Amino acid sequence: MAEPVKRLTHYDFKAMKQQGVKATSITAYDYPFAKMCDQAGIDLIICGGSVGMVCLGYETTVPVTMEQLIHHLKAVTAAAKRALVVGPLPFGYYQASDEDAIRNSIRMIKEAGVQSTKIEGAGIMANRIRAVVNAGIPCMAHLGVTPQYYAMMGGYRAKGRQAAEAKKILDQALAVQDAGAWAIELECVAAPVAEYITEKLDVPTLGTGAGVGCDIQGLILHDVLGMFDPDRHTPKHSKQYVNLWQIAVEALQRFDQEVKAKQFPAKANTFKISDEELKGFFELVGEPDRFKPQEP
């Protein structure tokens, strides 16, 4: 009997940082893809507000609700046995108060089955992180490009490319670390700045477009597998390892063609009935003359 798989914890990621071992993170949104990630050895799976843009057709992450996110996270946590699963709190479910942050973090743990929540931003959001951690729930921080604050940022652009802004991100990172965040995602932060911040922190950094210096490297699964319409803008920091979109379109085209050419379904794709039972069927429905012996 195979031994049960040991799930990674946030302590394992801290140990990897201390040992100089890099870790991987994929953002995935359902059972089969999370299962693939787990079998491939991916260390961390995130299922957050980007589900709105990737799977639901929203323009931003802002409209995503707790109910929608929990629905997807249940599928992810059911599939992932080794990877640590992070459930970021959606926009509007932690900004108003520490109590909201704690209440909805508890929902993430109890209903979605995640091992950690994630909160975007610093400043007062460091208080939210501290409150969640003090409630006994691991929490990751998220700095740099913070998609939930798209309107405030005036659009998506790389961060830390000016000295003052780079210093601000460093200060924010130190603040959320002090608040108890076990890791910090740095999204689209200038690589040298992200590397410096990573060196100055005791907790691991998750780089999303933040250079090789980060402890954990993250991508969205649909970017990795090439599962977007070719006309879609591809972010600079992503990398496509296979073009499943084209493979899928070609497979669907072949299906369409075979159906219209009456090539599918073939005998191999259908279920049989004996001549005796078929004859009996036509007799029962009062049309015995319709029976003809089937071809072998």
C-alpha atoms as a PDB file:
ATOM      1  CA  MET A   1       0.000   0.000   0.000  1.00  0.00           C
ATOM      2  CA  ALA A   2       1.434   3.352  -1.084  1.00  0.00           C
ATOM      3  CA  GLU A   3       2.256   5.813   1.657  1.00  0.00           C
ATOM      4  CA  PRO A   4       0.081   8.966   1.707  1.00  0.00           C
ATOM      5  CA  VAL A   5       1.639  11.995   0.046  1.00  0.00           C
ATOM      6  CA  LYS A   6       2.930  14.607   2.479  1.00  0.00           C
ATOM      7  CA  ARG A   7       1.506  18.049   1.814  1.00  0.00           C
ATOM      8  CA  LEU A   8       3.932  20.949   1.788  1.00  0.00           C
ATOM      9  CA  THR A   9       3.471  23.612   4.454  1.00  0.00           C
ATOM     10  CA  HIS A  10       4.619  27.214   4.631  1.00  0.00           C
ATOM     11  CA  TYR A  11       7.445  26.014   6.872  1.00  0.00           C
ATOM     12  CA  ASP A  12       8.757  23.918   3.972  1.00  0.00           C
ATOM     13  CA  PHE A  13       8.982  27.008   1.772  1.00  0.00           C
ATOM     14  CA  LYS A  14      10.921  28.884   4.443  1.00  0.00           C
ATOM     15  CA  ALA A  15      13.304  25.932   4.679  1.00  0.00           C
ATOM     16  CA  MET A  16      13.731  25.916   0.884  1.00  0.00           C
ATOM     17  CA  LYS A  17      14.630  29.599   0.983  1.00  0.00           C
ATOM     18  CA  GLN A  18      17.245  28.982   3.653  1.00  0.00           C
ATOM     19  CA  GLN A  19      18.708  26.122   1.612  1.00  0.00           C
ATOM     20  CA  GLY A  20      18.692  28.097  -1.645  1.00  0.00           C
ATOM     21  CA  VAL A  21      16.202  25.705  -3.280  1.00  0.00           C
ATOM     22  CA  LYS A  22      13.842  27.248  -5.843  1.00  0.00           C
ATOM     23  CA  ALA A  23      10.130  26.404  -5.775  1.00  0.00           C
ATOM     24  CA  THR A  24       7.354  26.594  -8.374  1.00  0.00           C
ATOM     25  CA  SER A  25       3.868  28.077  -8.291  1.00  0.00           C
ATOM     26  CA  ILE A  26       1.031  27.724 -10.796  1.00  0.00           C
ATOM     27  CA  THR A  27      -2.304  29.490 -10.792  1.00  0.00           C
ATOM     28  CA  ALA A  28      -4.968  26.900 -11.666  1.00  0.00           C
ATOM     29  CA  TYR A  29      -8.727  26.884 -11.343  1.00  0.00           C
ATOM     30  CA  ASP A  30     -10.204  23.362 -11.536  1.00  0.00           C
ATOM     31  CA  TYR A  31      -9.786  19.716 -10.582  1.00  0.00           C
ATOM     32  CA  PRO A  32      -8.109  18.216 -13.679  1.00  0.00           C
ATOM     33  CA  PHE A  33      -5.565  20.989 -14.105  1.00  0.00           C
ATOM     34  CA  ALA A  34      -4.767  21.131 -10.387  1.00  0.00           C
ATOM     35  CA  LYS A  35      -4.287  17.349 -10.534  1.00  0.00           C
ATOM     36  CA  MET A  36      -1.838  17.789 -13.417  1.00  0.00           C
ATOM     37  CA  CYS A  37       0.079  20.423 -11.458  1.00  0.00           C
ATOM     38  CA  ASP A  38       0.274  18.182  -8.417  1.00  0.00           C
ATOM     39  CA  GLN A  39       1.474  15.181 -10.432  1.00  0.00           C
ATOM     40  CA  ALA A  40       4.053  17.356 -12.193  1.00  0.00           C
ATOM     41  CA  GLY A  41       5.593  18.299  -8.845  1.00  0.00           C
ATOM     42  CA  ILE A  42       4.442  21.931  -8.713  1.00  0.00           C
ATOM     43  CA  ASP A  43       4.957  23.102  -5.134  1.00  0.00           C
ATOM     44  CA  LEU A  44       2.318  25.810  -4.751  1.00  0.00           C
ATOM     45  CA  ILE A  45      -1.081  26.269  -6.410  1.00  0.00           C
ATOM     46  CA  ILE A  46      -2.938  29.569  -6.269  1.00  0.00           C
ATOM     47  CA  CYS A  47      -6.574  30.002  -7.268  1.00  0.00           C
ATOM     48  CA  GLY A  48      -7.531  33.642  -6.955  1.00  0.00           C
ATOM     49  CA  GLY A  49      -9.336  36.533  -8.565  1.00  0.00           C
ATOM     50  CA  SER A  50      -7.699  35.937 -11.929  1.00  0.00           C
ATOM     51  CA  VAL A  51     -10.280  33.171 -12.371  1.00  0.00           C
ATOM     52  CA  GLY A  52     -12.599  36.005 -13.326  1.00  0.00           C
ATOM     53  CA  MET A  53     -10.438  37.057 -16.269  1.00  0.00           C
ATOM     54  CA  VAL A  54      -9.205  33.606 -17.303  1.00  0.00           C
ATOM     55  CA  CYS A  55     -12.342  31.498 -16.875  1.00  0.00           C
ATOM     56  CA  LEU A  56     -15.315  33.849 -16.509  1.00  0.00           C
ATOM     57  CA  GLY A  57     -14.613  36.523 -19.116  1.00  0.00           C
ATOM     58  CA  TYR A  58     -14.359  39.503 -16.753  1.00  0.00           C
ATOM     59  CA  GLU A  59     -12.156  42.443 -17.672  1.00  0.00           C
ATOM     60  CA  THR A  60     -10.591  42.622 -14.197  1.00  0.00           C
ATOM     61  CA  THR A  61     -10.399  40.525 -11.027  1.00  0.00           C
ATOM     62  CA  VAL A  62     -12.641  42.935  -9.112  1.00  0.00           C
ATOM     63  CA  PRO A  63     -16.109  41.367  -9.763  1.00  0.00           C
ATOM     64  CA  VAL A  64     -15.124  37.930  -8.419  1.00  0.00           C
ATOM     65  CA  THR A  65     -17.085  36.915  -5.309  1.00  0.00           C
ATOM     66  CA  MET A  66     -16.189  34.666  -2.383  1.00  0.00           C
ATOM     67  CA  GLU A  67     -18.799  32.162  -3.538  1.00  0.00           C
ATOM     68  CA  GLN A  68     -17.273  31.948  -7.021  1.00  0.00           C
ATOM     69  CA  LEU A  69     -13.771  31.590  -5.657  1.00  0.00           C
ATOM     70  CA  ILE A  70     -14.716  28.982  -3.065  1.00  0.00           C
ATOM     71  CA  HIS A  71     -16.479  27.002  -5.814  1.00  0.00           C
ATOM     72  CA  HIS A  72     -13.252  26.810  -7.843  1.00  0.00           C
ATOM     73  CA  LEU A  73     -11.008  26.313  -4.828  1.00  0.00           C
ATOM     74  CA  LYS A  74     -12.968  23.271  -3.669  1.00  0.00           C
ATOM     75  CA  ALA A  75     -12.088  21.594  -6.948  1.00  0.00           C
ATOM     76  CA  VAL A  76      -8.423  22.594  -6.653  1.00  0.00           C
ATOM     77  CA  THR A  77      -8.031  21.419  -3.067  1.00  0.00           C
ATOM     78  CA  ALA A  78      -9.762  18.128  -3.909  1.00  0.00           C
ATOM     79  CA  ALA A  79      -7.087  17.493  -6.545  1.00  0.00           C
ATOM     80  CA  ALA A  80      -3.927  18.788  -4.864  1.00  0.00           C
ATOM     81  CA  LYS A  81      -2.467  16.341  -2.351  1.00  0.00           C
ATOM     82  CA  ARG A  82       1.154  17.578  -2.180  1.00  0.00           C
ATOM     83  CA  ALA A  83       1.068  21.207  -3.279  1.00  0.00           C
ATOM     84  CA  LEU A  84       0.207  23.920  -0.790  1.00  0.00           C
ATOM     85  CA  VAL A  85      -2.965  25.682  -1.972  1.00  0.00           C
ATOM     86  CA  VAL A  86      -3.425  29.428  -1.488  1.00  0.00           C
ATOM     87  CA  GLY A  87      -6.818  31.118  -1.664  1.00  0.00           C
ATOM     88  CA  PRO A  88      -6.489  34.896  -2.087  1.00  0.00           C
ATOM     89  CA  LEU A  89      -9.293  36.944  -0.581  1.00  0.00           C
ATOM     90  CA  PRO A  90     -11.340  38.646  -3.335  1.00  0.00           C
ATOM     91  CA  PHE A  91     -11.735  42.392  -3.589  1.00  0.00           C
ATOM     92  CA  GLY A  92     -14.248  43.749  -1.090  1.00  0.00           C
ATOM     93  CA  TYR A  93     -13.925  40.902   1.380  1.00  0.00           C
ATOM     94  CA  TYR A  94     -11.131  42.248   3.587  1.00  0.00           C
ATOM     95  CA  GLN A  95     -10.597  45.950   2.872  1.00  0.00           C
ATOM     96  CA  ALA A  96     -13.253  47.287   5.256  1.00  0.00           C
ATOM     97  CA  SER A  97     -12.075  45.769   8.530  1.00  0.00           C
ATOM     98  CA  ASP A  98      -9.904  43.254  10.316  1.00  0.00           C
ATOM     99  CA  GLU A  99     -13.095  41.390  11.184  1.00  0.00           C
ATOM    100  CA  ASP A 100     -13.970  40.961   7.501  1.00  0.00           C
ATOM    101  CA  ALA A 101     -10.461  39.710   6.783  1.00  0.00           C
ATOM    102  CA  ILE A 102     -10.625  37.158   9.599  1.00  0.00           C
ATOM    103  CA  ARG A 103     -14.178  36.028   8.821  1.00  0.00           C
ATOM    104  CA  ASN A 104     -13.494  35.442   5.140  1.00  0.00           C
ATOM    105  CA  SER A 105     -10.119  33.837   5.798  1.00  0.00           C
ATOM    106  CA  ILE A 106     -11.905  31.365   8.042  1.00  0.00           C
ATOM    107  CA  ARG A 107     -14.323  30.645   5.190  1.00  0.00           C
ATOM    108  CA  MET A 108     -11.369  29.975   2.903  1.00  0.00           C
ATOM    109  CA  ILE A 109      -9.930  27.462   5.362  1.00  0.00           C
ATOM    110  CA  LYS A 110     -13.201  25.765   6.358  1.00  0.00           C
ATOM    111  CA  GLU A 111     -15.178  25.812   3.106  1.00  0.00           C
ATOM    112  CA  ALA A 112     -12.507  25.831   0.413  1.00  0.00           C
ATOM    113  CA  GLY A 113      -9.914  23.719   2.228  1.00  0.00           C
ATOM    114  CA  VAL A 114      -6.915  25.951   1.467  1.00  0.00           C
ATOM    115  CA  GLN A 115      -3.752  26.037   3.549  1.00  0.00           C
ATOM    116  CA  SER A 116      -3.230  29.797   3.277  1.00  0.00           C
ATOM    117  CA  THR A 117      -5.018  32.976   2.298  1.00  0.00           C
ATOM    118  CA  LYS A 118      -3.466  35.943   0.467  1.00  0.00           C
ATOM    119  CA  ILE A 119      -4.029  39.685   0.807  1.00  0.00           C
ATOM    120  CA  GLU A 120      -3.032  42.369  -1.697  1.00  0.00           C
ATOM    121  CA  GLY A 121      -1.436  45.627  -0.647  1.00  0.00           C
ATOM    122  CA  ALA A 122       0.440  47.081   2.307  1.00  0.00           C
ATOM    123  CA  GLY A 123      -0.201  50.066   4.595  1.00  0.00           C
ATOM    124  CA  ILE A 124      -3.437  49.337   6.401  1.00  0.00           C
ATOM    125  CA  MET A 125      -3.506  45.928   4.696  1.00  0.00           C
ATOM    126  CA  ALA A 126      -0.553  44.961   6.876  1.00  0.00           C
ATOM    127  CA  ASN A 127      -3.024  45.272   9.771  1.00  0.00           C
ATOM    128  CA  ARG A 128      -5.364  42.879   7.972  1.00  0.00           C
ATOM    129  CA  ILE A 129      -2.525  40.382   7.543  1.00  0.00           C
ATOM    130  CA  ARG A 130      -1.584  40.685  11.215  1.00  0.00           C
ATOM    131  CA  ALA A 131      -5.201  40.113  12.250  1.00  0.00           C
ATOM    132  CA  VAL A 132      -5.527  37.013  10.062  1.00  0.00           C
ATOM    133  CA  VAL A 133      -2.242  35.557  11.314  1.00  0.00           C
ATOM    134  CA  ASN A 134      -3.186  36.305  14.923  1.00  0.00           C
ATOM    135  CA  ALA A 135      -6.384  34.336  14.251  1.00  0.00           C
ATOM    136  CA  GLY A 136      -4.203  31.325  13.470  1.00  0.00           C
ATOM    137  CA  ILE A 137      -4.403  31.415   9.673  1.00  0.00           C
ATOM    138  CA  PRO A 138      -1.306  31.506   7.417  1.00  0.00           C
ATOM    139  CA  CYS A 139      -1.408  34.519   5.107  1.00  0.00           C
ATOM    140  CA  MET A 140       0.648  35.497   2.074  1.00  0.00           C
ATOM    141  CA  ALA A 141       1.123  39.127   1.067  1.00  0.00           C
ATOM    142  CA  HIS A 142       1.019  40.530  -2.488  1.00  0.00           C
ATOM    143  CA  LEU A 143       2.942  43.654  -3.550  1.00  0.00           C
ATOM    144  CA  GLY A 144       3.999  45.382  -6.762  1.00  0.00           C
ATOM    145  CA  VAL A 145       1.253  45.163  -9.355  1.00  0.00           C
ATOM    146  CA  THR A 146      -1.882  44.456  -7.319  1.00  0.00           C
ATOM    147  CA  PRO A 147      -4.703  43.597  -9.769  1.00  0.00           C
ATOM    148  CA  GLN A 148      -7.505  44.317  -7.305  1.00  0.00           C
ATOM    149  CA  TYR A 149      -6.424  47.959  -7.245  1.00  0.00           C
ATOM    150  CA  TYR A 150      -6.446  48.297 -11.030  1.00  0.00           C
ATOM    151  CA  ALA A 151      -8.490  51.506 -10.906  1.00  0.00           C
ATOM    152  CA  MET A 152      -6.223  53.103  -8.316  1.00  0.00           C
ATOM    153  CA  MET A 153      -3.100  52.134 -10.286  1.00  0.00           C
ATOM    154  CA  GLY A 154      -4.544  53.552 -13.502  1.00  0.00           C
ATOM    155  CA  GLY A 155      -3.807  50.311 -15.345  1.00  0.00           C
ATOM    156  CA  TYR A 156      -1.142  47.635 -15.244  1.00  0.00           C
ATOM    157  CA  ARG A 157       2.501  48.695 -15.367  1.00  0.00           C
ATOM    158  CA  ALA A 158       5.717  47.316 -13.949  1.00  0.00           C
ATOM    159  CA  LYS A 159       6.628  48.556 -10.472  1.00  0.00           C
ATOM    160  CA  GLY A 160       9.890  49.544  -8.813  1.00  0.00           C
ATOM    161  CA  ARG A 161      11.435  51.126 -11.901  1.00  0.00           C
ATOM    162  CA  GLN A 162      11.979  54.426 -10.116  1.00  0.00           C
ATOM    163  CA  ALA A 163      14.187  54.680  -7.049  1.00  0.00           C
ATOM    164  CA  ALA A 164      11.515  56.070  -4.723  1.00  0.00           C
ATOM    165  CA  GLU A 165       8.955  53.487  -5.795  1.00  0.00           C
ATOM    166  CA  ALA A 166      11.491  50.669  -5.402  1.00  0.00           C
ATOM    167  CA  LYS A 167      12.265  51.851  -1.858  1.00  0.00           C
ATOM    168  CA  LYS A 168       8.543  51.997  -1.103  1.00  0.00           C
ATOM    169  CA  ILE A 169       8.076  48.349  -2.166  1.00  0.00           C
ATOM    170  CA  LEU A 170      11.015  47.340   0.043  1.00  0.00           C
ATOM    171  CA  ASP A 171       9.466  49.165   2.998  1.00  0.00           C
ATOM    172  CA  GLN A 172       6.105  47.532   2.286  1.00  0.00           C
ATOM    173  CA  ALA A 173       7.729  44.098   2.115  1.00  0.00           C
ATOM    174  CA  LEU A 174       9.406  44.587   5.471  1.00  0.00           C
ATOM    175  CA  ALA A 175       6.105  45.810   6.954  1.00  0.00           C
ATOM    176  CA  VAL A 176       4.026  42.846   5.802  1.00  0.00           C
ATOM    177  CA  GLN A 177       6.788  40.474   6.890  1.00  0.00           C
ATOM    178  CA  ASP A 178       6.646  42.096  10.330  1.00  0.00           C
ATOM    179  CA  ALA A 179       2.866  41.664  10.246  1.00  0.00           C
ATOM    180  CA  GLY A 180       3.347  37.912   9.963  1.00  0.00           C
ATOM    181  CA  ALA A 181       3.064  37.156   6.233  1.00  0.00           C
ATOM    182  CA  TRP A 182       4.784  33.810   5.595  1.00  0.00           C
ATOM    183  CA  ALA A 183       5.603  34.759   1.977  1.00  0.00           C
ATOM    184  CA  ILE A 184       5.304  37.790  -0.296  1.00  0.00           C
ATOM    185  CA  GLU A 185       4.286  37.739  -3.942  1.00  0.00           C
ATOM    186  CA  LEU A 186       6.115  40.383  -5.977  1.00  0.00           C
ATOM    187  CA  GLU A 187       4.230  40.928  -9.222  1.00  0.00           C
ATOM    188  CA  CYS A 188       5.910  42.724 -12.123  1.00  0.00           C
ATOM    189  CA  VAL A 189       8.577  44.304  -9.933  1.00  0.00           C
ATOM    190  CA  ALA A 190      11.880  45.289 -11.584  1.00  0.00           C
ATOM    191  CA  ALA A 191      14.140  42.238 -11.322  1.00  0.00           C
ATOM    192  CA  PRO A 192      17.124  43.830  -9.497  1.00  0.00           C
ATOM    193  CA  VAL A 193      14.764  45.384  -6.964  1.00  0.00           C
ATOM    194  CA  ALA A 194      12.937  42.086  -6.404  1.00  0.00           C
ATOM    195  CA  GLU A 195      16.271  40.305  -5.963  1.00  0.00           C
ATOM    196  CA  TYR A 196      17.414  42.859  -3.366  1.00  0.00           C
ATOM    197  CA  ILE A 197      14.109  42.605  -1.489  1.00  0.00           C
ATOM    198  CA  THR A 198      14.375  38.801  -1.529  1.00  0.00           C
ATOM    199  CA  GLU A 199      17.861  39.017   0.030  1.00  0.00           C
ATOM    200  CA  LYS A 200      16.630  41.346   2.782  1.00  0.00           C
ATOM    201  CA  LEU A 201      13.633  39.227   3.774  1.00  0.00           C
ATOM    202  CA  ASP A 202      13.517  36.215   6.052  1.00  0.00           C
ATOM    203  CA  VAL A 203      10.370  34.931   4.319  1.00  0.00           C
ATOM    204  CA  PRO A 204      10.267  33.626   0.738  1.00  0.00           C
ATOM    205  CA  THR A 205       9.250  35.757  -2.213  1.00  0.00           C
ATOM    206  CA  LEU A 206       7.030  34.543  -5.031  1.00  0.00           C
ATOM    207  CA  GLY A 207       8.044  36.212  -8.263  1.00  0.00           C
ATOM    208  CA  THR A 208       5.461  36.800 -10.971  1.00  0.00           C
ATOM    209  CA  GLY A 209       7.396  38.709 -13.585  1.00  0.00           C
ATOM    210  CA  ALA A 210       9.952  39.748 -10.956  1.00  0.00           C
ATOM    211  CA  GLY A 211      13.104  38.023 -12.145  1.00  0.00           C
ATOM    212  CA  VAL A 212      15.131  34.956 -11.280  1.00  0.00           C
ATOM    213  CA  GLY A 213      16.170  36.288  -7.876  1.00  0.00           C
ATOM    214  CA  CYS A 214      12.862  35.387  -6.210  1.00  0.00           C
ATOM    215  CA  ASP A 215      12.558  32.210  -4.175  1.00  0.00           C
ATOM    216  CA  ILE A 216       9.397  30.899  -5.874  1.00  0.00           C
ATOM    217  CA  GLN A 217       8.546  31.398  -9.548  1.00  0.00           C
ATOM    218  CA  GLY A 218       4.896  31.640 -10.552  1.00  0.00           C
ATOM    219  CA  LEU A 219       2.913  31.531 -13.778  1.00  0.00           C
ATOM    220  CA  ILE A 220      -0.733  31.129 -14.755  1.00  0.00           C
ATOM    221  CA  LEU A 221      -1.441  27.645 -16.065  1.00  0.00           C
ATOM    222  CA  HIS A 222      -3.284  28.879 -19.157  1.00  0.00           C
ATOM    223  CA  ASP A 223      -0.211  30.895 -20.142  1.00  0.00           C
ATOM    224  CA  VAL A 224       2.113  27.913 -19.628  1.00  0.00           C
ATOM    225  CA  LEU A 225      -0.081  25.628 -21.743  1.00  0.00           C
ATOM    226  CA  GLY A 226      -0.946  28.169 -24.423  1.00  0.00           C
ATOM    227  CA  MET A 227      -4.674  27.998 -23.779  1.00  0.00           C
ATOM    228  CA  PHE A 228      -5.601  31.477 -24.953  1.00  0.00           C
ATOM    229  CA  ASP A 229      -6.885  32.820 -28.239  1.00  0.00           C
ATOM    230  CA  PRO A 230      -3.809  33.770 -30.321  1.00  0.00           C
ATOM    231  CA  ASP A 231      -5.198  37.308 -30.653  1.00  0.00           C
ATOM    232  CA  ARG A 232      -4.969  37.808 -26.891  1.00  0.00           C
ATOM    233  CA  HIS A 233      -2.147  39.955 -25.561  1.00  0.00           C
ATOM    234  CA  THR A 234       0.502  37.785 -23.923  1.00  0.00           C
ATOM    235  CA  PRO A 235       2.101  39.354 -20.849  1.00  0.00           C
ATOM    236  CA  LYS A 236       5.849  39.912 -21.184  1.00  0.00           C
ATOM    237  CA  HIS A 237       6.613  37.980 -18.011  1.00  0.00           C
ATOM    238  CA  SER A 238       4.764  34.810 -19.055  1.00  0.00           C
ATOM    239  CA  LYS A 239       6.149  31.885 -21.053  1.00  0.00           C
ATOM    240  CA  GLN A 240       4.252  29.431 -23.238  1.00  0.00           C
ATOM    241  CA  TYR A 241       5.617  25.886 -23.125  1.00  0.00           C
ATOM    242  CA  VAL A 242       3.073  24.310 -25.502  1.00  0.00           C
ATOM    243  CA  ASN A 243       0.247  25.582 -27.730  1.00  0.00           C
ATOM    244  CA  LEU A 244      -2.762  23.625 -26.486  1.00  0.00           C
ATOM    245  CA  TRP A 245      -5.144  26.164 -27.989  1.00  0.00           C
ATOM    246  CA  GLN A 246      -4.083  25.240 -31.520  1.00  0.00           C
ATOM    247  CA  ILE A 247      -4.003  21.536 -30.690  1.00  0.00           C
ATOM    248  CA  ALA A 248      -7.521  21.756 -29.249  1.00  0.00           C
ATOM    249  CA  VAL A 249      -8.904  23.751 -32.185  1.00  0.00           C
ATOM    250  CA  GLU A 250      -7.488  21.213 -34.650  1.00  0.00           C
ATOM    251  CA  ALA A 251      -8.977  18.315 -32.664  1.00  0.00           C
ATOM    252  CA  LEU A 252     -12.388  19.988 -32.591  1.00  0.00           C
ATOM    253  CA  GLN A 253     -12.187  20.668 -36.323  1.00  0.00           C
ATOM    254  CA  ARG A 254     -11.491  16.969 -36.984  1.00  0.00           C
ATOM    255  CA  PHE A 255     -14.481  16.010 -34.826  1.00  0.00           C
ATOM    256  CA  ASP A 256     -16.701  18.454 -36.720  1.00  0.00           C
ATOM    257  CA  GLN A 257     -15.518  17.127 -40.075  1.00  0.00           C
ATOM    258  CA  GLU A 258     -15.955  13.458 -39.136  1.00  0.00           C
ATOM    259  CA  VAL A 259     -19.502  14.017 -37.883  1.00  0.00           C
ATOM    260  CA  LYS A 260     -20.515  15.833 -41.053  1.00  0.00           C
ATOM    261  CA  ALA A 261     -18.874  13.140 -43.187  1.00  0.00           C
ATOM    262  CA  LYS A 262     -20.739  10.456 -41.170  1.00  0.00           C
ATOM    263  CA  GLN A 263     -17.433   8.954 -40.043  1.00  0.00           C
ATOM    264  CA  PHE A 264     -18.142   9.446 -36.350  1.00  0.00           C
ATOM    265  CA  PRO A 265     -19.365   7.618 -34.408  1.00  0.00           C
ATOM    266  CA  ALA A 266     -17.866   4.453 -35.877  1.00  0.00           C
ATOM    267  CA  LYS A 267     -18.728   0.948 -34.725  1.00  0.00           C
ATOM    268  CA  ALA A 268     -15.927   1.127 -32.193  1.00  0.00           C
ATOM    269  CA  ASN A 269     -17.719   4.050 -30.532  1.00  0.00           C
ATOM    270  CA  THR A 270     -21.181   2.427 -30.294  1.00  0.00           C
ATOM    271  CA  PHE A 271     -22.882  -0.245 -28.189  1.00  0.00           C
ATOM    272  CA  LYS A 272     -24.125  -3.538 -29.629  1.00  0.00           C
ATOM    273  CA  ILE A 273     -27.351  -5.506 -29.395  1.00  0.00           C
ATOM    274  CA  SER A 274     -27.723  -9.069 -30.572  1.00  0.00           C
ATOM    275  CA  ASP A 275     -29.786  -9.825 -33.679  1.00  0.00           C
ATOM    276  CA  GLU A 276     -32.142 -11.873 -31.518  1.00  0.00           C
ATOM    277  CA  GLU A 277     -32.804  -8.997 -29.120  1.00  0.00           C
ATOM    278  CA  LEU A 278     -33.096  -6.495 -31.957  1.00  0.00           C
ATOM    279  CA  LYS A 279     -35.648  -8.697 -33.707  1.00  0.00           C
ATOM    280  CA  GLY A 280     -37.570  -8.992 -30.444  1.00  0.00           C
ATOM    281  CA  PHE A 281     -37.515  -5.211 -30.033  1.00  0.00           C
ATOM    282  CA  PHE A 282     -39.083  -4.594 -33.448  1.00  0.00           C
ATOM    283  CA  GLU A 283     -41.713  -7.235 -32.719  1.00  0.00           C
ATOM    284  CA  LEU A 284     -42.551  -5.514 -29.435  1.00  0.00           C
ATOM    285  CA  VAL A 285     -43.038  -2.154 -31.163  1.00  0.00           C
ATOM    286  CA  GLY A 286     -45.186  -3.746 -33.860  1.00  0.00           C
ATOM    287  CA  GLU A 287     -42.773  -3.340 -36.787  1.00  0.00           C
ATOM    288  CA  PRO A 288     -41.250  -6.815 -37.290  1.00  0.00           C
ATOM    289  CA  ASP A 289     -40.530  -6.095 -40.967  1.00  0.00           C
ATOM    290  CA  ARG A 290     -37.933  -3.484 -39.955  1.00  0.00           C
ATOM    291  CA  PHE A 291     -35.594  -6.138 -38.644  1.00  0.00           C
ATOM    292  CA  LYS A 292     -32.538  -6.852 -40.739  1.00  0.00           C
ATOM    293  CA  PRO A 293     -29.545  -8.907 -39.559  1.00  0.00           C
ATOM    294  CA  GLN A 294     -26.674  -6.619 -38.576  1.00  0.00           C
ATOM    295  CA  GLU A 295     -23.385  -6.629 -40.366  1.00  0.00           C
ATOM    296  CA  PRO A 296     -20.651  -8.458 -38.435  1.00  0.00           C
END
